[in-house]
Each structure stands twice: as C-alpha cells, then as structure tokens.
Amino acid sequence: MSAGPKVKISRALNLAITPKAARIMERRSFTPGQHGLARKKQPSTYKLQLLEKQRLKATYNVSEKQLQHYYDKATHVHGATGTVLLAYLEMRADAAIYRMGFARTIYAARQYVAHGHFSINGKRIFTPSHALKVGDVITVVEKSKTHPQIVEAMTHSGGVQVPEYYEINKVKMEGKLIAKPLREQIPVKLVEQSVVEYYSK
C-alpha cells in the first residue's frame, strides 16, 4: 500500500507535514527511493536554500506565488526579513486554526476555512490566507461546533503546545491572537535566513 504523496513530500524534505508522515518518518528517516540511504553527498548552498524554501512552502501549504508575495512584503517591514516572513505566514487564518488545535493538519485547516466553518470577530470567513491582526478572535461557527473532524482535532490536541501568542477557549471553541509571534515562539524548525538568501538573489 502506498504511503501517500504527503508522506513522500515529507521524506523528500525531511520534514513531517502531517501526523501520519511523522509516524512513518520515525521508522524510515532516509529520503524516498531505493537509493535514499546512499544519498549523503554534501549539497550546494543553492540546493540548501532551495530545500529550506520548499520546506517553508510545505509547512504552510502555500504556493510559490504566495510565498514570493509574503517575502516581498517582509522586505518592506522593519525587522529581520526571515522573522517577519514567518510571522506573516503564522498569522494566516489556516495556520492559526492549525496552531490552535482546531485542525490536525494545515491542509485540513485550509479546507475548514474554505467551507466556512470559522468566523473572525463574528464575521464568517472563506479565505485561508485571511490575515489575522492582534486582538482578532477566531471562532468555530455555531453550526460547525459538532463537526466530527474539528471535535476530534480538539480532543486530540491535549498534548499539542499552543504557541504563546494565542489564547484558547476550548469551551467557546475560539482562540485569540494576543501578540505578534516572536521567532523563538514559532514552532517551525527551519533556517528562514536561507529562504531570504534564495529570494534575494
């Protein structure tokens, strides 16, 4: 039986992008393909930068065009470009829903938003890229509070560490962005400076 495309992507990038991928990668840590164990040649600087860019795209489930857009915005803001870039991605509606524990994967979070299962400050949203501002409250809409996958995600999120910039109310099924994310608070293990170097050429 095939492990699935997201598992293959995860192994190629050495980055678990779903819980299933994480479980499989614990057993098979080498890259996919019959020669995965033999691929130990030192990659070039460009290849490392490209890999980190691909890892960032997969982490937030964004397109090349979207990532380029966030990078361009980040270059015009005061602060380390890589950190600003991560903060923009982290404050997307789908990323927020995933971090708050309302979805088990970023892919599921994107689908839930597109299907109208969430509101921000009382207004229903349908755009996964909707940017949250500090003080915004994201809530599961009333008729979706019994949605099986959302309920399951919340039930299984007990051991998941919610980042400090979010405040969660599981009873009301809502969360609030209480501060802009700091780099050390963002649970993403990649070298964002490599992404900046990739785009700055």
C-alpha atoms as a PDB file:
ATOM      1  CA  MET A   1       0.000   0.000   0.000  1.00  0.00           C
ATOM      2  CA  SER A   2       1.335   3.451  -0.917  1.00  0.00           C
ATOM      3  CA  ALA A   3       2.382   5.754   1.908  1.00  0.00           C
ATOM      4  CA  GLY A   4       0.737   8.681   0.121  1.00  0.00           C
ATOM      5  CA  PRO A   5       2.020  11.862  -1.568  1.00  0.00           C
ATOM      6  CA  LYS A   6       2.269  13.937   1.626  1.00  0.00           C
ATOM      7  CA  VAL A   7       4.470  11.255   3.214  1.00  0.00           C
ATOM      8  CA  LYS A   8       6.718  11.223   0.130  1.00  0.00           C
ATOM      9  CA  ILE A   9       6.964  15.022   0.209  1.00  0.00           C
ATOM     10  CA  SER A  10       7.737  14.884   3.939  1.00  0.00           C
ATOM     11  CA  ARG A  11      10.529  12.359   3.460  1.00  0.00           C
ATOM     12  CA  ALA A  12      11.994  14.249   0.497  1.00  0.00           C
ATOM     13  CA  LEU A  13      12.089  17.465   2.550  1.00  0.00           C
ATOM     14  CA  ASN A  14      12.977  15.685   5.824  1.00  0.00           C
ATOM     15  CA  LEU A  15      10.019  17.497   7.371  1.00  0.00           C
ATOM     16  CA  ALA A  16       6.880  15.819   8.746  1.00  0.00           C
ATOM     17  CA  ILE A  17       3.933  17.811   7.359  1.00  0.00           C
ATOM     18  CA  THR A  18       1.207  15.504   8.720  1.00  0.00           C
ATOM     19  CA  PRO A  19       0.894  13.263  11.827  1.00  0.00           C
ATOM     20  CA  LYS A  20       0.924  10.187   9.554  1.00  0.00           C
ATOM     21  CA  ALA A  21       4.167  11.361   7.932  1.00  0.00           C
ATOM     22  CA  ALA A  22       5.711  11.883  11.370  1.00  0.00           C
ATOM     23  CA  ARG A  23       4.887   8.286  12.367  1.00  0.00           C
ATOM     24  CA  ILE A  24       6.345   6.827   9.154  1.00  0.00           C
ATOM     25  CA  MET A  25       9.457   9.028   9.292  1.00  0.00           C
ATOM     26  CA  GLU A  26      10.234   7.749  12.789  1.00  0.00           C
ATOM     27  CA  ARG A  27      10.602   4.307  11.214  1.00  0.00           C
ATOM     28  CA  ARG A  28      12.215   5.388   7.925  1.00  0.00           C
ATOM     29  CA  SER A  29      14.280   8.538   8.304  1.00  0.00           C
ATOM     30  CA  PHE A  30      16.073   8.377   4.919  1.00  0.00           C
ATOM     31  CA  THR A  31      14.805  10.041   1.729  1.00  0.00           C
ATOM     32  CA  PRO A  32      12.365   8.141  -0.542  1.00  0.00           C
ATOM     33  CA  GLY A  33      13.523   5.817  -3.297  1.00  0.00           C
ATOM     34  CA  GLN A  34      15.735   2.739  -3.292  1.00  0.00           C
ATOM     35  CA  HIS A  35      18.922   4.814  -3.029  1.00  0.00           C
ATOM     36  CA  GLY A  36      17.666   7.007  -0.194  1.00  0.00           C
ATOM     37  CA  LEU A  37      20.232   5.719   2.297  1.00  0.00           C
ATOM     38  CA  ALA A  38      23.085   6.308  -0.131  1.00  0.00           C
ATOM     39  CA  ARG A  39      22.314   9.994  -0.774  1.00  0.00           C
ATOM     40  CA  LYS A  40      24.865  11.536   1.551  1.00  0.00           C
ATOM     41  CA  LYS A  41      26.726  13.890  -0.829  1.00  0.00           C
ATOM     42  CA  GLN A  42      27.100  17.402   0.555  1.00  0.00           C
ATOM     43  CA  PRO A  43      24.523  19.638  -1.222  1.00  0.00           C
ATOM     44  CA  SER A  44      25.427  23.039  -2.680  1.00  0.00           C
ATOM     45  CA  THR A  45      24.478  26.295  -0.944  1.00  0.00           C
ATOM     46  CA  TYR A  46      21.808  26.872  -3.602  1.00  0.00           C
ATOM     47  CA  LYS A  47      20.338  23.405  -3.018  1.00  0.00           C
ATOM     48  CA  LEU A  48      20.194  24.040   0.727  1.00  0.00           C
ATOM     49  CA  GLN A  49      18.445  27.379   0.156  1.00  0.00           C
ATOM     50  CA  LEU A  50      16.004  25.740  -2.277  1.00  0.00           C
ATOM     51  CA  LEU A  51      15.304  22.943   0.218  1.00  0.00           C
ATOM     52  CA  GLU A  52      14.506  25.404   3.017  1.00  0.00           C
ATOM     53  CA  LYS A  53      12.208  27.324   0.672  1.00  0.00           C
ATOM     54  CA  GLN A  54      10.403  24.098  -0.268  1.00  0.00           C
ATOM     55  CA  ARG A  55      10.165  23.143   3.412  1.00  0.00           C
ATOM     56  CA  LEU A  56       8.606  26.530   4.236  1.00  0.00           C
ATOM     57  CA  LYS A  57       6.075  26.180   1.397  1.00  0.00           C
ATOM     58  CA  ALA A  58       5.095  22.708   2.617  1.00  0.00           C
ATOM     59  CA  THR A  59       4.883  23.788   6.265  1.00  0.00           C
ATOM     60  CA  TYR A  60       2.272  26.448   5.494  1.00  0.00           C
ATOM     61  CA  ASN A  61       0.760  24.793   2.388  1.00  0.00           C
ATOM     62  CA  VAL A  62       1.276  27.913   0.254  1.00  0.00           C
ATOM     63  CA  SER A  63       2.065  28.315  -3.440  1.00  0.00           C
ATOM     64  CA  GLU A  64       5.292  29.722  -4.850  1.00  0.00           C
ATOM     65  CA  LYS A  65       3.433  32.909  -5.820  1.00  0.00           C
ATOM     66  CA  GLN A  66       2.038  33.325  -2.288  1.00  0.00           C
ATOM     67  CA  LEU A  67       5.432  32.777  -0.653  1.00  0.00           C
ATOM     68  CA  GLN A  68       7.086  35.273  -3.007  1.00  0.00           C
ATOM     69  CA  HIS A  69       4.325  37.774  -2.116  1.00  0.00           C
ATOM     70  CA  TYR A  70       4.942  37.339   1.640  1.00  0.00           C
ATOM     71  CA  TYR A  71       8.688  37.680   1.119  1.00  0.00           C
ATOM     72  CA  ASP A  72       8.223  40.915  -0.869  1.00  0.00           C
ATOM     73  CA  LYS A  73       6.010  42.310   1.913  1.00  0.00           C
ATOM     74  CA  ALA A  74       8.519  41.264   4.580  1.00  0.00           C
ATOM     75  CA  THR A  75      11.366  43.150   2.877  1.00  0.00           C
ATOM     76  CA  HIS A  76       9.459  46.420   3.385  1.00  0.00           C
ATOM     77  CA  VAL A  77       8.923  45.955   7.130  1.00  0.00           C
ATOM     78  CA  HIS A  78      11.339  46.887   9.917  1.00  0.00           C
ATOM     79  CA  GLY A  79      12.971  43.813  11.449  1.00  0.00           C
ATOM     80  CA  ALA A  80      14.718  40.626  10.315  1.00  0.00           C
ATOM     81  CA  THR A  81      13.136  39.717   6.977  1.00  0.00           C
ATOM     82  CA  GLY A  82      13.047  35.986   7.770  1.00  0.00           C
ATOM     83  CA  THR A  83      11.273  36.515  11.081  1.00  0.00           C
ATOM     84  CA  VAL A  84       8.765  38.938   9.543  1.00  0.00           C
ATOM     85  CA  LEU A  85       8.124  36.415   6.745  1.00  0.00           C
ATOM     86  CA  LEU A  86       7.412  33.641   9.271  1.00  0.00           C
ATOM     87  CA  ALA A  87       5.123  35.925  11.283  1.00  0.00           C
ATOM     88  CA  TYR A  88       3.070  36.747   8.162  1.00  0.00           C
ATOM     89  CA  LEU A  89       2.664  33.035   7.430  1.00  0.00           C
ATOM     90  CA  GLU A  90       1.898  32.210  11.044  1.00  0.00           C
ATOM     91  CA  MET A  91      -0.902  34.797  11.198  1.00  0.00           C
ATOM     92  CA  ARG A  92      -2.792  33.346   8.228  1.00  0.00           C
ATOM     93  CA  ALA A  93      -6.234  32.054   9.227  1.00  0.00           C
ATOM     94  CA  ASP A  94      -5.446  28.452   8.261  1.00  0.00           C
ATOM     95  CA  ALA A  95      -2.150  28.466  10.198  1.00  0.00           C
ATOM     96  CA  ALA A  96      -3.895  29.971  13.239  1.00  0.00           C
ATOM     97  CA  ILE A  97      -6.621  27.301  13.173  1.00  0.00           C
ATOM     98  CA  TYR A  98      -3.982  24.576  12.947  1.00  0.00           C
ATOM     99  CA  ARG A  99      -1.858  26.044  15.775  1.00  0.00           C
ATOM    100  CA  MET A 100      -4.930  26.485  17.996  1.00  0.00           C
ATOM    101  CA  GLY A 101      -5.716  22.788  17.668  1.00  0.00           C
ATOM    102  CA  PHE A 102      -8.942  23.064  15.649  1.00  0.00           C
ATOM    103  CA  ALA A 103      -7.409  21.003  12.820  1.00  0.00           C
ATOM    104  CA  ARG A 104      -4.949  18.117  12.825  1.00  0.00           C
ATOM    105  CA  THR A 105      -3.061  19.364   9.750  1.00  0.00           C
ATOM    106  CA  ILE A 106      -2.587  22.648   7.916  1.00  0.00           C
ATOM    107  CA  TYR A 107      -4.295  21.009   4.927  1.00  0.00           C
ATOM    108  CA  ALA A 108      -7.425  20.256   6.963  1.00  0.00           C
ATOM    109  CA  ALA A 109      -7.399  23.805   8.379  1.00  0.00           C
ATOM    110  CA  ARG A 110      -7.374  25.236   4.863  1.00  0.00           C
ATOM    111  CA  GLN A 111     -10.347  23.071   3.897  1.00  0.00           C
ATOM    112  CA  TYR A 112     -12.335  24.047   7.010  1.00  0.00           C
ATOM    113  CA  VAL A 113     -11.884  27.757   6.273  1.00  0.00           C
ATOM    114  CA  ALA A 114     -12.825  27.318   2.603  1.00  0.00           C
ATOM    115  CA  HIS A 115     -16.024  25.543   3.702  1.00  0.00           C
ATOM    116  CA  GLY A 116     -16.977  28.386   6.049  1.00  0.00           C
ATOM    117  CA  HIS A 117     -16.563  26.618   9.402  1.00  0.00           C
ATOM    118  CA  PHE A 118     -14.874  29.629  11.070  1.00  0.00           C
ATOM    119  CA  SER A 119     -15.502  33.305  11.754  1.00  0.00           C
ATOM    120  CA  ILE A 120     -13.189  36.162  12.729  1.00  0.00           C
ATOM    121  CA  ASN A 121     -14.660  38.757  15.092  1.00  0.00           C
ATOM    122  CA  GLY A 122     -18.115  37.359  14.331  1.00  0.00           C
ATOM    123  CA  LYS A 123     -17.777  37.543  10.531  1.00  0.00           C
ATOM    124  CA  ARG A 124     -17.640  34.244   8.657  1.00  0.00           C
ATOM    125  CA  ILE A 125     -14.519  33.745   6.547  1.00  0.00           C
ATOM    126  CA  PHE A 126     -13.845  31.586   3.486  1.00  0.00           C
ATOM    127  CA  THR A 127     -10.273  32.636   2.647  1.00  0.00           C
ATOM    128  CA  PRO A 128      -7.469  30.523   4.210  1.00  0.00           C
ATOM    129  CA  SER A 129      -4.938  33.323   3.644  1.00  0.00           C
ATOM    130  CA  HIS A 130      -7.035  35.837   5.643  1.00  0.00           C
ATOM    131  CA  ALA A 131      -4.510  37.771   7.765  1.00  0.00           C
ATOM    132  CA  LEU A 132      -5.164  37.980  11.495  1.00  0.00           C
ATOM    133  CA  LYS A 133      -4.401  41.141  13.439  1.00  0.00           C
ATOM    134  CA  VAL A 134      -3.548  41.280  17.132  1.00  0.00           C
ATOM    135  CA  GLY A 135      -6.833  41.180  19.062  1.00  0.00           C
ATOM    136  CA  ASP A 136      -8.710  39.181  16.420  1.00  0.00           C
ATOM    137  CA  VAL A 137     -10.866  36.329  17.717  1.00  0.00           C
ATOM    138  CA  ILE A 138     -11.316  33.260  15.536  1.00  0.00           C
ATOM    139  CA  THR A 139     -14.323  31.057  16.369  1.00  0.00           C
ATOM    140  CA  VAL A 140     -15.875  27.823  15.131  1.00  0.00           C
ATOM    141  CA  VAL A 141     -19.267  28.912  13.750  1.00  0.00           C
ATOM    142  CA  GLU A 142     -22.271  27.631  15.722  1.00  0.00           C
ATOM    143  CA  LYS A 143     -23.465  25.005  13.249  1.00  0.00           C
ATOM    144  CA  SER A 144     -19.913  23.602  12.900  1.00  0.00           C
ATOM    145  CA  LYS A 145     -19.323  23.052  16.634  1.00  0.00           C
ATOM    146  CA  THR A 146     -20.358  19.414  16.210  1.00  0.00           C
ATOM    147  CA  HIS A 147     -18.242  18.898  13.064  1.00  0.00           C
ATOM    148  CA  PRO A 148     -16.669  15.437  13.676  1.00  0.00           C
ATOM    149  CA  GLN A 149     -13.149  16.262  12.427  1.00  0.00           C
ATOM    150  CA  ILE A 150     -12.967  19.583  14.289  1.00  0.00           C
ATOM    151  CA  VAL A 151     -14.202  17.943  17.507  1.00  0.00           C
ATOM    152  CA  GLU A 152     -11.711  15.088  17.021  1.00  0.00           C
ATOM    153  CA  ALA A 153      -8.842  17.534  16.424  1.00  0.00           C
ATOM    154  CA  MET A 154      -9.678  19.396  19.634  1.00  0.00           C
ATOM    155  CA  THR A 155      -9.955  16.114  21.549  1.00  0.00           C
ATOM    156  CA  HIS A 156      -6.509  15.005  20.362  1.00  0.00           C
ATOM    157  CA  SER A 157      -4.838  18.400  20.816  1.00  0.00           C
ATOM    158  CA  GLY A 158      -4.310  17.961  24.571  1.00  0.00           C
ATOM    159  CA  GLY A 159      -0.621  17.201  24.155  1.00  0.00           C
ATOM    160  CA  VAL A 160      -0.066  19.872  21.494  1.00  0.00           C
ATOM    161  CA  GLN A 161       1.651  23.013  22.725  1.00  0.00           C
ATOM    162  CA  VAL A 162      -0.307  26.098  21.612  1.00  0.00           C
ATOM    163  CA  PRO A 163       2.106  28.987  20.878  1.00  0.00           C
ATOM    164  CA  GLU A 164       2.165  31.788  23.467  1.00  0.00           C
ATOM    165  CA  TYR A 165       0.776  34.357  21.027  1.00  0.00           C
ATOM    166  CA  TYR A 166      -2.589  32.573  21.033  1.00  0.00           C
ATOM    167  CA  GLU A 167      -5.169  32.403  23.814  1.00  0.00           C
ATOM    168  CA  ILE A 168      -7.560  29.449  23.541  1.00  0.00           C
ATOM    169  CA  ASN A 169     -11.042  28.918  24.989  1.00  0.00           C
ATOM    170  CA  LYS A 170     -11.991  25.307  24.264  1.00  0.00           C
ATOM    171  CA  VAL A 171     -15.456  25.660  25.803  1.00  0.00           C
ATOM    172  CA  LYS A 172     -16.375  28.509  23.434  1.00  0.00           C
ATOM    173  CA  MET A 173     -14.300  26.860  20.659  1.00  0.00           C
ATOM    174  CA  GLU A 174     -12.461  30.075  19.939  1.00  0.00           C
ATOM    175  CA  GLY A 175      -8.960  31.495  20.016  1.00  0.00           C
ATOM    176  CA  LYS A 176      -7.458  34.965  20.072  1.00  0.00           C
ATOM    177  CA  LEU A 177      -4.228  36.372  18.649  1.00  0.00           C
ATOM    178  CA  ILE A 178      -2.858  38.246  21.658  1.00  0.00           C
ATOM    179  CA  ALA A 179       0.554  39.289  20.278  1.00  0.00           C
ATOM    180  CA  LYS A 180       2.684  39.183  17.147  1.00  0.00           C
ATOM    181  CA  PRO A 181       4.740  35.965  17.046  1.00  0.00           C
ATOM    182  CA  LEU A 182       8.391  36.181  18.102  1.00  0.00           C
ATOM    183  CA  ARG A 183      10.831  33.893  16.256  1.00  0.00           C
ATOM    184  CA  GLU A 184      11.622  31.803  19.331  1.00  0.00           C
ATOM    185  CA  GLN A 185       7.893  31.183  19.847  1.00  0.00           C
ATOM    186  CA  ILE A 186       7.160  29.959  16.303  1.00  0.00           C
ATOM    187  CA  PRO A 187       7.289  26.138  16.256  1.00  0.00           C
ATOM    188  CA  VAL A 188       8.987  25.862  12.867  1.00  0.00           C
ATOM    189  CA  LYS A 189      12.361  24.137  12.594  1.00  0.00           C
ATOM    190  CA  LEU A 190      13.988  25.548   9.504  1.00  0.00           C
ATOM    191  CA  VAL A 191      16.577  28.168   8.584  1.00  0.00           C
ATOM    192  CA  GLU A 192      14.492  31.087   7.337  1.00  0.00           C
ATOM    193  CA  GLN A 193      17.651  33.071   6.502  1.00  0.00           C
ATOM    194  CA  SER A 194      18.305  30.538   3.730  1.00  0.00           C
ATOM    195  CA  VAL A 195      14.880  31.352   2.276  1.00  0.00           C
ATOM    196  CA  VAL A 196      15.708  35.068   2.387  1.00  0.00           C
ATOM    197  CA  GLU A 197      19.027  34.399   0.620  1.00  0.00           C
ATOM    198  CA  TYR A 198      17.232  32.307  -2.015  1.00  0.00           C
ATOM    199  CA  TYR A 199      14.819  35.140  -2.869  1.00  0.00           C
ATOM    200  CA  SER A 200      17.319  37.986  -2.551  1.00  0.00           C
ATOM    201  CA  LYS A 201      19.449  36.807  -5.493  1.00  0.00           C
END
